[in-house]
Amino acid sequence: MSQRKFSRKTGPRRALLRNLVTSLFIAERIETTETRAKEVNRIAEKMVSLAKRGDLHARRQALAYMLDEDAVTKLFEKIGPRYEGRDGGFTRIIKKGPRRGDAAPMVFLELV
């Protein structure tokens, strides 16, 4: 499975994605570029699936990826049970329009 590189080396790219995923679960809605949102979307879907499982191993896997323990707690106690009857499609991308400075396509990424 290929992954977008965002003109960054591995460490900074992983840090960027981890920050965005953590912010998504804290705020439940973030504004970012379209390509970043598509990449974060893949990871966020997997994290919600872990939260739906809800066991200790799943929680540790989420803690290993996300940066904030409070975000993991919120994910497992509030967000996971919310999607119990849903098999997928936990996030939604809403197009916003081009960014003023460089005309990059901006979107909102939010939990459904």
PDB file of N, CA and C in Angstrom:
ATOM      1  N   MET A   1       0.848  -1.178   0.000  1.00  0.00           N
ATOM      2  CA  MET A   1       0.000   0.000   0.000  1.00  0.00           C
ATOM      3  C   MET A   1       0.895   1.242   0.000  1.00  0.00           C
ATOM      4  N   SER A   2       0.697   2.102  -0.982  1.00  0.00           N
ATOM      5  CA  SER A   2       1.551   3.281  -1.073  1.00  0.00           C
ATOM      6  C   SER A   2       1.050   4.373  -0.142  1.00  0.00           C
ATOM      7  N   GLN A   3       1.947   5.276   0.174  1.00  0.00           N
ATOM      8  CA  GLN A   3       1.631   6.350   1.098  1.00  0.00           C
ATOM      9  C   GLN A   3       2.153   7.656   0.528  1.00  0.00           C
ATOM     10  N   ARG A   4       1.399   8.725   0.722  1.00  0.00           N
ATOM     11  CA  ARG A   4       1.845  10.033   0.257  1.00  0.00           C
ATOM     12  C   ARG A   4       3.034  10.492   1.109  1.00  0.00           C
ATOM     13  N   LYS A   5       3.969  11.192   0.467  1.00  0.00           N
ATOM     14  CA  LYS A   5       5.195  11.549   1.180  1.00  0.00           C
ATOM     15  C   LYS A   5       5.197  12.980   1.710  1.00  0.00           C
ATOM     16  N   PHE A   6       4.396  13.874   1.149  1.00  0.00           N
ATOM     17  CA  PHE A   6       4.293  15.259   1.599  1.00  0.00           C
ATOM     18  C   PHE A   6       5.633  15.988   1.600  1.00  0.00           C
ATOM     19  N   SER A   7       6.555  15.600   0.736  1.00  0.00           N
ATOM     20  CA  SER A   7       7.888  16.218   0.631  1.00  0.00           C
ATOM     21  C   SER A   7       8.616  16.246   1.968  1.00  0.00           C
ATOM     22  N   ARG A   8       8.435  15.194   2.769  1.00  0.00           N
ATOM     23  CA  ARG A   8       9.088  15.100   4.072  1.00  0.00           C
ATOM     24  C   ARG A   8       9.754  13.751   4.208  1.00  0.00           C
ATOM     25  N   LYS A   9      10.761  13.702   5.075  1.00  0.00           N
ATOM     26  CA  LYS A   9      11.361  12.410   5.393  1.00  0.00           C
ATOM     27  C   LYS A   9      10.441  11.656   6.345  1.00  0.00           C
ATOM     28  N   THR A  10      10.782  10.417   6.638  1.00  0.00           N
ATOM     29  CA  THR A  10       9.887   9.534   7.383  1.00  0.00           C
ATOM     30  C   THR A  10       9.486  10.080   8.748  1.00  0.00           C
ATOM     31  N   GLY A  11      10.439  10.545   9.544  1.00  0.00           N
ATOM     32  CA  GLY A  11      10.143  11.010  10.897  1.00  0.00           C
ATOM     33  C   GLY A  11       9.185  12.189  10.938  1.00  0.00           C
ATOM     34  N   PRO A  12       9.500  13.272  10.213  1.00  0.00           N
ATOM     35  CA  PRO A  12       8.573  14.409  10.206  1.00  0.00           C
ATOM     36  C   PRO A  12       7.200  14.071   9.620  1.00  0.00           C
ATOM     37  N   ARG A  13       7.169  13.186   8.625  1.00  0.00           N
ATOM     38  CA  ARG A  13       5.892  12.796   8.027  1.00  0.00           C
ATOM     39  C   ARG A  13       5.034  12.035   9.032  1.00  0.00           C
ATOM     40  N   ARG A  14       5.634  11.102   9.757  1.00  0.00           N
ATOM     41  CA  ARG A  14       4.896  10.356  10.779  1.00  0.00           C
ATOM     42  C   ARG A  14       4.414  11.287  11.885  1.00  0.00           C
ATOM     43  N   ALA A  15       5.251  12.250  12.272  1.00  0.00           N
ATOM     44  CA  ALA A  15       4.868  13.201  13.312  1.00  0.00           C
ATOM     45  C   ALA A  15       3.681  14.048  12.855  1.00  0.00           C
ATOM     46  N   LEU A  16       3.700  14.491  11.604  1.00  0.00           N
ATOM     47  CA  LEU A  16       2.595  15.273  11.048  1.00  0.00           C
ATOM     48  C   LEU A  16       1.289  14.479  11.116  1.00  0.00           C
ATOM     49  N   LEU A  17       1.325  13.236  10.655  1.00  0.00           N
ATOM     50  CA  LEU A  17       0.111  12.416  10.637  1.00  0.00           C
ATOM     51  C   LEU A  17      -0.372  12.091  12.048  1.00  0.00           C
ATOM     52  N   ARG A  18       0.556  11.806  12.948  1.00  0.00           N
ATOM     53  CA  ARG A  18       0.170  11.502  14.335  1.00  0.00           C
ATOM     54  C   ARG A  18      -0.488  12.715  14.981  1.00  0.00           C
ATOM     55  N   ASN A  19       0.072  13.914  14.728  1.00  0.00           N
ATOM     56  CA  ASN A  19      -0.520  15.144  15.267  1.00  0.00           C
ATOM     57  C   ASN A  19      -1.924  15.375  14.724  1.00  0.00           C
ATOM     58  N   LEU A  20      -2.107  15.171  13.414  1.00  0.00           N
ATOM     59  CA  LEU A  20      -3.411  15.399  12.802  1.00  0.00           C
ATOM     60  C   LEU A  20      -4.454  14.409  13.314  1.00  0.00           C
ATOM     61  N   VAL A  21      -4.066  13.142  13.456  1.00  0.00           N
ATOM     62  CA  VAL A  21      -5.008  12.127  13.955  1.00  0.00           C
ATOM     63  C   VAL A  21      -5.395  12.440  15.398  1.00  0.00           C
ATOM     64  N   THR A  22      -4.412  12.801  16.220  1.00  0.00           N
ATOM     65  CA  THR A  22      -4.694  13.140  17.613  1.00  0.00           C
ATOM     66  C   THR A  22      -5.623  14.357  17.690  1.00  0.00           C
ATOM     67  N   SER A  23      -5.351  15.374  16.872  1.00  0.00           N
ATOM     68  CA  SER A  23      -6.197  16.573  16.860  1.00  0.00           C
ATOM     69  C   SER A  23      -7.611  16.257  16.400  1.00  0.00           C
ATOM     70  N   LEU A  24      -7.746  15.335  15.445  1.00  0.00           N
ATOM     71  CA  LEU A  24      -9.074  14.968  14.958  1.00  0.00           C
ATOM     72  C   LEU A  24      -9.918  14.371  16.073  1.00  0.00           C
ATOM     73  N   PHE A  25      -9.337  13.510  16.883  1.00  0.00           N
ATOM     74  CA  PHE A  25     -10.120  12.871  17.932  1.00  0.00           C
ATOM     75  C   PHE A  25     -10.363  13.790  19.127  1.00  0.00           C
ATOM     76  N   ILE A  26      -9.510  14.785  19.328  1.00  0.00           N
ATOM     77  CA  ILE A  26      -9.754  15.745  20.403  1.00  0.00           C
ATOM     78  C   ILE A  26     -10.871  16.711  19.994  1.00  0.00           C
ATOM     79  N   ALA A  27     -10.765  17.292  18.784  1.00  0.00           N
ATOM     80  CA  ALA A  27     -11.713  18.315  18.342  1.00  0.00           C
ATOM     81  C   ALA A  27     -12.903  17.749  17.573  1.00  0.00           C
ATOM     82  N   GLU A  28     -12.781  16.542  17.048  1.00  0.00           N
ATOM     83  CA  GLU A  28     -13.780  15.861  16.221  1.00  0.00           C
ATOM     84  C   GLU A  28     -13.991  16.516  14.865  1.00  0.00           C
ATOM     85  N   ARG A  29     -13.235  17.592  14.574  1.00  0.00           N
ATOM     86  CA  ARG A  29     -13.289  18.232  13.264  1.00  0.00           C
ATOM     87  C   ARG A  29     -12.023  19.068  13.100  1.00  0.00           C
ATOM     88  N   ILE A  30     -11.306  18.878  11.991  1.00  0.00           N
ATOM     89  CA  ILE A  30     -10.110  19.659  11.721  1.00  0.00           C
ATOM     90  C   ILE A  30     -10.167  20.215  10.302  1.00  0.00           C
ATOM     91  N   GLU A  31      -9.453  21.300  10.078  1.00  0.00           N
ATOM     92  CA  GLU A  31      -9.333  21.892   8.757  1.00  0.00           C
ATOM     93  C   GLU A  31      -7.906  21.657   8.279  1.00  0.00           C
ATOM     94  N   THR A  32      -7.759  21.065   7.098  1.00  0.00           N
ATOM     95  CA  THR A  32      -6.442  20.751   6.569  1.00  0.00           C
ATOM     96  C   THR A  32      -6.527  20.674   5.045  1.00  0.00           C
ATOM     97  N   THR A  33      -5.408  20.374   4.393  1.00  0.00           N
ATOM     98  CA  THR A  33      -5.445  20.240   2.940  1.00  0.00           C
ATOM     99  C   THR A  33      -6.078  18.909   2.562  1.00  0.00           C
ATOM    100  N   GLU A  34      -6.517  18.817   1.323  1.00  0.00           N
ATOM    101  CA  GLU A  34      -7.241  17.629   0.873  1.00  0.00           C
ATOM    102  C   GLU A  34      -6.362  16.377   0.918  1.00  0.00           C
ATOM    103  N   THR A  35      -5.112  16.484   0.478  1.00  0.00           N
ATOM    104  CA  THR A  35      -4.257  15.298   0.460  1.00  0.00           C
ATOM    105  C   THR A  35      -3.924  14.821   1.875  1.00  0.00           C
ATOM    106  N   ARG A  36      -3.694  15.759   2.787  1.00  0.00           N
ATOM    107  CA  ARG A  36      -3.449  15.372   4.178  1.00  0.00           C
ATOM    108  C   ARG A  36      -4.684  14.713   4.774  1.00  0.00           C
ATOM    109  N   ALA A  37      -5.857  15.259   4.465  1.00  0.00           N
ATOM    110  CA  ALA A  37      -7.102  14.711   4.997  1.00  0.00           C
ATOM    111  C   ALA A  37      -7.318  13.278   4.514  1.00  0.00           C
ATOM    112  N   LYS A  38      -7.005  13.008   3.259  1.00  0.00           N
ATOM    113  CA  LYS A  38      -7.182  11.657   2.722  1.00  0.00           C
ATOM    114  C   LYS A  38      -6.268  10.663   3.427  1.00  0.00           C
ATOM    115  N   GLU A  39      -5.070  11.101   3.739  1.00  0.00           N
ATOM    116  CA  GLU A  39      -4.123  10.212   4.415  1.00  0.00           C
ATOM    117  C   GLU A  39      -4.525  10.005   5.877  1.00  0.00           C
ATOM    118  N   VAL A  40      -4.943  11.074   6.547  1.00  0.00           N
ATOM    119  CA  VAL A  40      -5.382  10.989   7.944  1.00  0.00           C
ATOM    120  C   VAL A  40      -6.652  10.138   8.038  1.00  0.00           C
ATOM    121  N   ASN A  41      -7.500  10.238   7.023  1.00  0.00           N
ATOM    122  CA  ASN A  41      -8.741   9.479   6.980  1.00  0.00           C
ATOM    123  C   ASN A  41      -8.479   7.979   7.129  1.00  0.00           C
ATOM    124  N   ARG A  42      -7.479   7.471   6.405  1.00  0.00           N
ATOM    125  CA  ARG A  42      -7.137   6.040   6.460  1.00  0.00           C
ATOM    126  C   ARG A  42      -6.768   5.620   7.880  1.00  0.00           C
ATOM    127  N   ILE A  43      -5.946   6.439   8.520  1.00  0.00           N
ATOM    128  CA  ILE A  43      -5.469   6.103   9.865  1.00  0.00           C
ATOM    129  C   ILE A  43      -6.604   6.225  10.879  1.00  0.00           C
ATOM    130  N   ALA A  44      -7.421   7.268  10.746  1.00  0.00           N
ATOM    131  CA  ALA A  44      -8.514   7.496  11.690  1.00  0.00           C
ATOM    132  C   ALA A  44      -9.522   6.352  11.649  1.00  0.00           C
ATOM    133  N   GLU A  45      -9.807   5.837  10.464  1.00  0.00           N
ATOM    134  CA  GLU A  45     -10.739   4.711  10.343  1.00  0.00           C
ATOM    135  C   GLU A  45     -10.206   3.507  11.121  1.00  0.00           C
ATOM    136  N   LYS A  46      -8.915   3.269  11.025  1.00  0.00           N
ATOM    137  CA  LYS A  46      -8.311   2.137  11.746  1.00  0.00           C
ATOM    138  C   LYS A  46      -8.375   2.347  13.254  1.00  0.00           C
ATOM    139  N   MET A  47      -8.168   3.596  13.699  1.00  0.00           N
ATOM    140  CA  MET A  47      -8.217   3.891  15.127  1.00  0.00           C
ATOM    141  C   MET A  47      -9.626   3.690  15.693  1.00  0.00           C
ATOM    142  N   VAL A  48     -10.644   4.100  14.930  1.00  0.00           N
ATOM    143  CA  VAL A  48     -12.019   3.902  15.402  1.00  0.00           C
ATOM    144  C   VAL A  48     -12.340   2.410  15.453  1.00  0.00           C
ATOM    145  N   SER A  49     -11.821   1.647  14.496  1.00  0.00           N
ATOM    146  CA  SER A  49     -12.024   0.192  14.529  1.00  0.00           C
ATOM    147  C   SER A  49     -11.379  -0.424  15.769  1.00  0.00           C
ATOM    148  N   LEU A  50     -10.211   0.078  16.139  1.00  0.00           N
ATOM    149  CA  LEU A  50      -9.575  -0.380  17.380  1.00  0.00           C
ATOM    150  C   LEU A  50     -10.441  -0.037  18.583  1.00  0.00           C
ATOM    151  N   ALA A  51     -11.000   1.178  18.578  1.00  0.00           N
ATOM    152  CA  ALA A  51     -11.833   1.612  19.705  1.00  0.00           C
ATOM    153  C   ALA A  51     -13.098   0.775  19.803  1.00  0.00           C
ATOM    154  N   LYS A  52     -13.626   0.354  18.665  1.00  0.00           N
ATOM    155  CA  LYS A  52     -14.813  -0.501  18.685  1.00  0.00           C
ATOM    156  C   LYS A  52     -14.488  -1.861  19.302  1.00  0.00           C
ATOM    157  N   ARG A  53     -13.275  -2.369  19.041  1.00  0.00           N
ATOM    158  CA  ARG A  53     -12.860  -3.629  19.673  1.00  0.00           C
ATOM    159  C   ARG A  53     -12.796  -3.459  21.185  1.00  0.00           C
ATOM    160  N   GLY A  54     -12.150  -2.376  21.616  1.00  0.00           N
ATOM    161  CA  GLY A  54     -12.191  -1.965  23.007  1.00  0.00           C
ATOM    162  C   GLY A  54     -11.374  -2.768  23.996  1.00  0.00           C
ATOM    163  N   ASP A  55     -10.585  -3.739  23.564  1.00  0.00           N
ATOM    164  CA  ASP A  55      -9.805  -4.518  24.528  1.00  0.00           C
ATOM    165  C   ASP A  55      -8.483  -3.816  24.853  1.00  0.00           C
ATOM    166  N   LEU A  56      -7.762  -4.379  25.794  1.00  0.00           N
ATOM    167  CA  LEU A  56      -6.528  -3.754  26.270  1.00  0.00           C
ATOM    168  C   LEU A  56      -5.478  -3.659  25.170  1.00  0.00           C
ATOM    169  N   HIS A  57      -5.369  -4.698  24.353  1.00  0.00           N
ATOM    170  CA  HIS A  57      -4.377  -4.685  23.280  1.00  0.00           C
ATOM    171  C   HIS A  57      -4.681  -3.579  22.271  1.00  0.00           C
ATOM    172  N   ALA A  58      -5.951  -3.395  21.947  1.00  0.00           N
ATOM    173  CA  ALA A  58      -6.348  -2.337  21.014  1.00  0.00           C
ATOM    174  C   ALA A  58      -6.020  -0.963  21.597  1.00  0.00           C
ATOM    175  N   ARG A  59      -6.275  -0.779  22.892  1.00  0.00           N
ATOM    176  CA  ARG A  59      -5.972   0.499  23.543  1.00  0.00           C
ATOM    177  C   ARG A  59      -4.472   0.776  23.513  1.00  0.00           C
ATOM    178  N   ARG A  60      -3.671  -0.238  23.739  1.00  0.00           N
ATOM    179  CA  ARG A  60      -2.213  -0.050  23.704  1.00  0.00           C
ATOM    180  C   ARG A  60      -1.729   0.259  22.296  1.00  0.00           C
ATOM    181  N   GLN A  61      -2.345  -0.349  21.293  1.00  0.00           N
ATOM    182  CA  GLN A  61      -1.977  -0.043  19.911  1.00  0.00           C
ATOM    183  C   GLN A  61      -2.298   1.420  19.590  1.00  0.00           C
ATOM    184  N   ALA A  62      -3.441   1.892  20.038  1.00  0.00           N
ATOM    185  CA  ALA A  62      -3.815   3.286  19.804  1.00  0.00           C
ATOM    186  C   ALA A  62      -2.881   4.232  20.554  1.00  0.00           C
ATOM    187  N   LEU A  63      -2.534   3.879  21.798  1.00  0.00           N
ATOM    188  CA  LEU A  63      -1.610   4.705  22.579  1.00  0.00           C
ATOM    189  C   LEU A  63      -0.235   4.773  21.930  1.00  0.00           C
ATOM    190  N   ALA A  64       0.170   3.694  21.265  1.00  0.00           N
ATOM    191  CA  ALA A  64       1.474   3.676  20.605  1.00  0.00           C
ATOM    192  C   ALA A  64       1.508   4.641  19.424  1.00  0.00           C
ATOM    193  N   TYR A  65       0.358   4.910  18.823  1.00  0.00           N
ATOM    194  CA  TYR A  65       0.333   5.791  17.661  1.00  0.00           C
ATOM    195  C   TYR A  65      -0.016   7.235  18.026  1.00  0.00           C
ATOM    196  N   MET A  66      -1.045   7.414  18.824  1.00  0.00           N
ATOM    197  CA  MET A  66      -1.501   8.764  19.133  1.00  0.00           C
ATOM    198  C   MET A  66      -0.640   9.403  20.212  1.00  0.00           C
ATOM    199  N   LEU A  67      -0.609  10.739  20.235  1.00  0.00           N
ATOM    200  CA  LEU A  67       0.324  11.468  21.084  1.00  0.00           C
ATOM    201  C   LEU A  67      -0.242  11.839  22.451  1.00  0.00           C
ATOM    202  N   ASP A  68      -1.561  11.840  22.588  1.00  0.00           N
ATOM    203  CA  ASP A  68      -2.191  12.329  23.812  1.00  0.00           C
ATOM    204  C   ASP A  68      -3.035  11.226  24.434  1.00  0.00           C
ATOM    205  N   GLU A  69      -2.770  10.938  25.684  1.00  0.00           N
ATOM    206  CA  GLU A  69      -3.503   9.884  26.378  1.00  0.00           C
ATOM    207  C   GLU A  69      -4.979  10.243  26.560  1.00  0.00           C
ATOM    208  N   ASP A  70      -5.270  11.538  26.731  1.00  0.00           N
ATOM    209  CA  ASP A  70      -6.662  11.977  26.860  1.00  0.00           C
ATOM    210  C   ASP A  70      -7.438  11.727  25.566  1.00  0.00           C
ATOM    211  N   ALA A  71      -6.766  11.887  24.420  1.00  0.00           N
ATOM    212  CA  ALA A  71      -7.418  11.626  23.135  1.00  0.00           C
ATOM    213  C   ALA A  71      -7.766  10.146  22.997  1.00  0.00           C
ATOM    214  N   VAL A  72      -6.878   9.274  23.464  1.00  0.00           N
ATOM    215  CA  VAL A  72      -7.139   7.833  23.413  1.00  0.00           C
ATOM    216  C   VAL A  72      -8.294   7.476  24.339  1.00  0.00           C
ATOM    217  N   THR A  73      -8.331   8.081  25.524  1.00  0.00           N
ATOM    218  CA  THR A  73      -9.433   7.836  26.458  1.00  0.00           C
ATOM    219  C   THR A  73     -10.758   8.266  25.837  1.00  0.00           C
ATOM    220  N   LYS A  74     -10.779   9.438  25.226  1.00  0.00           N
ATOM    221  CA  LYS A  74     -12.004   9.913  24.572  1.00  0.00           C
ATOM    222  C   LYS A  74     -12.401   8.979  23.430  1.00  0.00           C
ATOM    223  N   LEU A  75     -11.397   8.528  22.663  1.00  0.00           N
ATOM    224  CA  LEU A  75     -11.657   7.625  21.544  1.00  0.00           C
ATOM    225  C   LEU A  75     -12.320   6.337  22.015  1.00  0.00           C
ATOM    226  N   PHE A  76     -11.813   5.760  23.102  1.00  0.00           N
ATOM    227  CA  PHE A  76     -12.320   4.466  23.555  1.00  0.00           C
ATOM    228  C   PHE A  76     -13.603   4.576  24.378  1.00  0.00           C
ATOM    229  N   GLU A  77     -13.797   5.682  25.095  1.00  0.00           N
ATOM    230  CA  GLU A  77     -14.972   5.782  25.960  1.00  0.00           C
ATOM    231  C   GLU A  77     -16.165   6.468  25.298  1.00  0.00           C
ATOM    232  N   LYS A  78     -15.917   7.409  24.368  1.00  0.00           N
ATOM    233  CA  LYS A  78     -17.028   8.136  23.752  1.00  0.00           C
ATOM    234  C   LYS A  78     -17.204   7.802  22.274  1.00  0.00           C
ATOM    235  N   ILE A  79     -16.111   7.876  21.509  1.00  0.00           N
ATOM    236  CA  ILE A  79     -16.218   7.752  20.062  1.00  0.00           C
ATOM    237  C   ILE A  79     -16.445   6.301  19.629  1.00  0.00           C
ATOM    238  N   GLY A  80     -15.719   5.360  20.211  1.00  0.00           N
ATOM    239  CA  GLY A  80     -15.873   3.948  19.841  1.00  0.00           C
ATOM    240  C   GLY A  80     -17.286   3.424  20.016  1.00  0.00           C
ATOM    241  N   PRO A  81     -17.888   3.591  21.209  1.00  0.00           N
ATOM    242  CA  PRO A  81     -19.265   3.111  21.398  1.00  0.00           C
ATOM    243  C   PRO A  81     -20.285   3.796  20.483  1.00  0.00           C
ATOM    244  N   ARG A  82     -20.008   5.021  20.063  1.00  0.00           N
ATOM    245  CA  ARG A  82     -20.922   5.748  19.181  1.00  0.00           C
ATOM    246  C   ARG A  82     -21.102   5.035  17.838  1.00  0.00           C
ATOM    247  N   TYR A  83     -20.052   4.355  17.371  1.00  0.00           N
ATOM    248  CA  TYR A  83     -20.082   3.707  16.059  1.00  0.00           C
ATOM    249  C   TYR A  83     -20.225   2.187  16.162  1.00  0.00           C
ATOM    250  N   GLU A  84     -20.801   1.698  17.236  1.00  0.00           N
ATOM    251  CA  GLU A  84     -20.902   0.253  17.471  1.00  0.00           C
ATOM    252  C   GLU A  84     -21.634  -0.475  16.345  1.00  0.00           C
ATOM    253  N   GLY A  85     -22.708   0.122  15.820  1.00  0.00           N
ATOM    254  CA  GLY A  85     -23.485  -0.542  14.783  1.00  0.00           C
ATOM    255  C   GLY A  85     -23.026  -0.228  13.370  1.00  0.00           C
ATOM    256  N   ARG A  86     -21.920   0.465  13.231  1.00  0.00           N
ATOM    257  CA  ARG A  86     -21.454   0.910  11.918  1.00  0.00           C
ATOM    258  C   ARG A  86     -20.178   0.164  11.540  1.00  0.00           C
ATOM    259  N   ASP A  87     -20.113  -0.336  10.306  1.00  0.00           N
ATOM    260  CA  ASP A  87     -18.966  -1.135   9.881  1.00  0.00           C
ATOM    261  C   ASP A  87     -17.798  -0.299   9.361  1.00  0.00           C
ATOM    262  N   GLY A  88     -18.057   0.874   8.854  1.00  0.00           N
ATOM    263  CA  GLY A  88     -16.993   1.725   8.313  1.00  0.00           C
ATOM    264  C   GLY A  88     -17.545   3.095   8.011  1.00  0.00           C
ATOM    265  N   GLY A  89     -16.717   3.945   7.405  1.00  0.00           N
ATOM    266  CA  GLY A  89     -17.180   5.284   7.059  1.00  0.00           C
ATOM    267  C   GLY A  89     -17.411   6.147   8.281  1.00  0.00           C
ATOM    268  N   PHE A  90     -16.421   6.188   9.169  1.00  0.00           N
ATOM    269  CA  PHE A  90     -16.557   6.942  10.417  1.00  0.00           C
ATOM    270  C   PHE A  90     -16.203   8.413  10.239  1.00  0.00           C
ATOM    271  N   THR A  91     -15.549   8.754   9.121  1.00  0.00           N
ATOM    272  CA  THR A  91     -15.129  10.138   8.901  1.00  0.00           C
ATOM    273  C   THR A  91     -15.723  10.662   7.603  1.00  0.00           C
ATOM    274  N   ARG A  92     -15.742  11.990   7.489  1.00  0.00           N
ATOM    275  CA  ARG A  92     -16.298  12.634   6.304  1.00  0.00           C
ATOM    276  C   ARG A  92     -15.370  13.781   5.920  1.00  0.00           C
ATOM    277  N   ILE A  93     -15.177  13.965   4.612  1.00  0.00           N
ATOM    278  CA  ILE A  93     -14.364  15.070   4.094  1.00  0.00           C
ATOM    279  C   ILE A  93     -15.300  16.047   3.385  1.00  0.00           C
ATOM    280  N   ILE A  94     -15.309  17.302   3.843  1.00  0.00           N
ATOM    281  CA  ILE A  94     -16.139  18.347   3.253  1.00  0.00           C
ATOM    282  C   ILE A  94     -15.215  19.390   2.623  1.00  0.00           C
ATOM    283  N   LYS A  95     -15.359  19.601   1.321  1.00  0.00           N
ATOM    284  CA  LYS A  95     -14.492  20.548   0.624  1.00  0.00           C
ATOM    285  C   LYS A  95     -14.855  21.984   1.010  1.00  0.00           C
ATOM    286  N   LYS A  96     -13.807  22.793   1.197  1.00  0.00           N
ATOM    287  CA  LYS A  96     -13.995  24.169   1.648  1.00  0.00           C
ATOM    288  C   LYS A  96     -13.674  25.177   0.554  1.00  0.00           C
ATOM    289  N   GLY A  97     -12.681  24.861  -0.273  1.00  0.00           N
ATOM    290  CA  GLY A  97     -12.251  25.794  -1.311  1.00  0.00           C
ATOM    291  C   GLY A  97     -10.753  26.004  -1.227  1.00  0.00           C
ATOM    292  N   PRO A  98     -10.196  26.802  -2.119  1.00  0.00           N
ATOM    293  CA  PRO A  98      -8.739  26.993  -2.133  1.00  0.00           C
ATOM    294  C   PRO A  98      -8.251  27.888  -0.991  1.00  0.00           C
ATOM    295  N   ARG A  99      -7.038  27.591  -0.524  1.00  0.00           N
ATOM    296  CA  ARG A  99      -6.407  28.413   0.509  1.00  0.00           C
ATOM    297  C   ARG A  99      -5.922  29.712  -0.130  1.00  0.00           C
ATOM    298  N   ARG A 100      -6.000  30.806   0.621  1.00  0.00           N
ATOM    299  CA  ARG A 100      -5.690  32.128   0.085  1.00  0.00           C
ATOM    300  C   ARG A 100      -4.232  32.259  -0.374  1.00  0.00           C
ATOM    301  N   GLY A 101      -3.296  31.730   0.387  1.00  0.00           N
ATOM    302  CA  GLY A 101      -1.887  31.954   0.081  1.00  0.00           C
ATOM    303  C   GLY A 101      -1.370  31.211  -1.133  1.00  0.00           C
ATOM    304  N   ASP A 102      -1.683  29.906  -1.236  1.00  0.00           N
ATOM    305  CA  ASP A 102      -1.099  29.103  -2.312  1.00  0.00           C
ATOM    306  C   ASP A 102      -2.137  28.317  -3.117  1.00  0.00           C
ATOM    307  N   ALA A 103      -3.414  28.588  -2.883  1.00  0.00           N
ATOM    308  CA  ALA A 103      -4.518  27.954  -3.612  1.00  0.00           C
ATOM    309  C   ALA A 103      -4.564  26.441  -3.427  1.00  0.00           C
ATOM    310  N   ALA A 104      -4.031  25.949  -2.305  1.00  0.00           N
ATOM    311  CA  ALA A 104      -4.137  24.518  -2.013  1.00  0.00           C
ATOM    312  C   ALA A 104      -5.586  24.201  -1.646  1.00  0.00           C
ATOM    313  N   PRO A 105      -6.131  23.100  -2.151  1.00  0.00           N
ATOM    314  CA  PRO A 105      -7.529  22.775  -1.831  1.00  0.00           C
ATOM    315  C   PRO A 105      -7.692  22.412  -0.359  1.00  0.00           C
ATOM    316  N   MET A 106      -8.532  23.173   0.345  1.00  0.00           N
ATOM    317  CA  MET A 106      -8.739  22.959   1.780  1.00  0.00           C
ATOM    318  C   MET A 106     -10.036  22.190   2.021  1.00  0.00           C
ATOM    319  N   VAL A 107     -10.034  21.395   3.096  1.00  0.00           N
ATOM    320  CA  VAL A 107     -11.217  20.606   3.444  1.00  0.00           C
ATOM    321  C   VAL A 107     -11.387  20.585   4.956  1.00  0.00           C
ATOM    322  N   PHE A 108     -12.589  20.207   5.380  1.00  0.00           N
ATOM    323  CA  PHE A 108     -12.836  19.865   6.772  1.00  0.00           C
ATOM    324  C   PHE A 108     -12.875  18.353   6.847  1.00  0.00           C
ATOM    325  N   LEU A 109     -12.159  17.780   7.795  1.00  0.00           N
ATOM    326  CA  LEU A 109     -12.226  16.340   8.072  1.00  0.00           C
ATOM    327  C   LEU A 109     -12.910  16.199   9.411  1.00  0.00           C
ATOM    328  N   GLU A 110     -14.047  15.477   9.446  1.00  0.00           N
ATOM    329  CA  GLU A 110     -14.789  15.376  10.690  1.00  0.00           C
ATOM    330  C   GLU A 110     -15.297  13.961  10.903  1.00  0.00           C
ATOM    331  N   LEU A 111     -15.606  13.676  12.151  1.00  0.00           N
ATOM    332  CA  LEU A 111     -16.216  12.401  12.482  1.00  0.00           C
ATOM    333  C   LEU A 111     -17.703  12.489  12.143  1.00  0.00           C
ATOM    334  N   VAL A 112     -18.250  11.435  11.582  1.00  0.00           N
ATOM    335  CA  VAL A 112     -19.658  11.432  11.173  1.00  0.00           C
ATOM    336  C   VAL A 112     -20.544  11.440  12.410  1.00  0.00           C
TER     337      VAL A 112
END
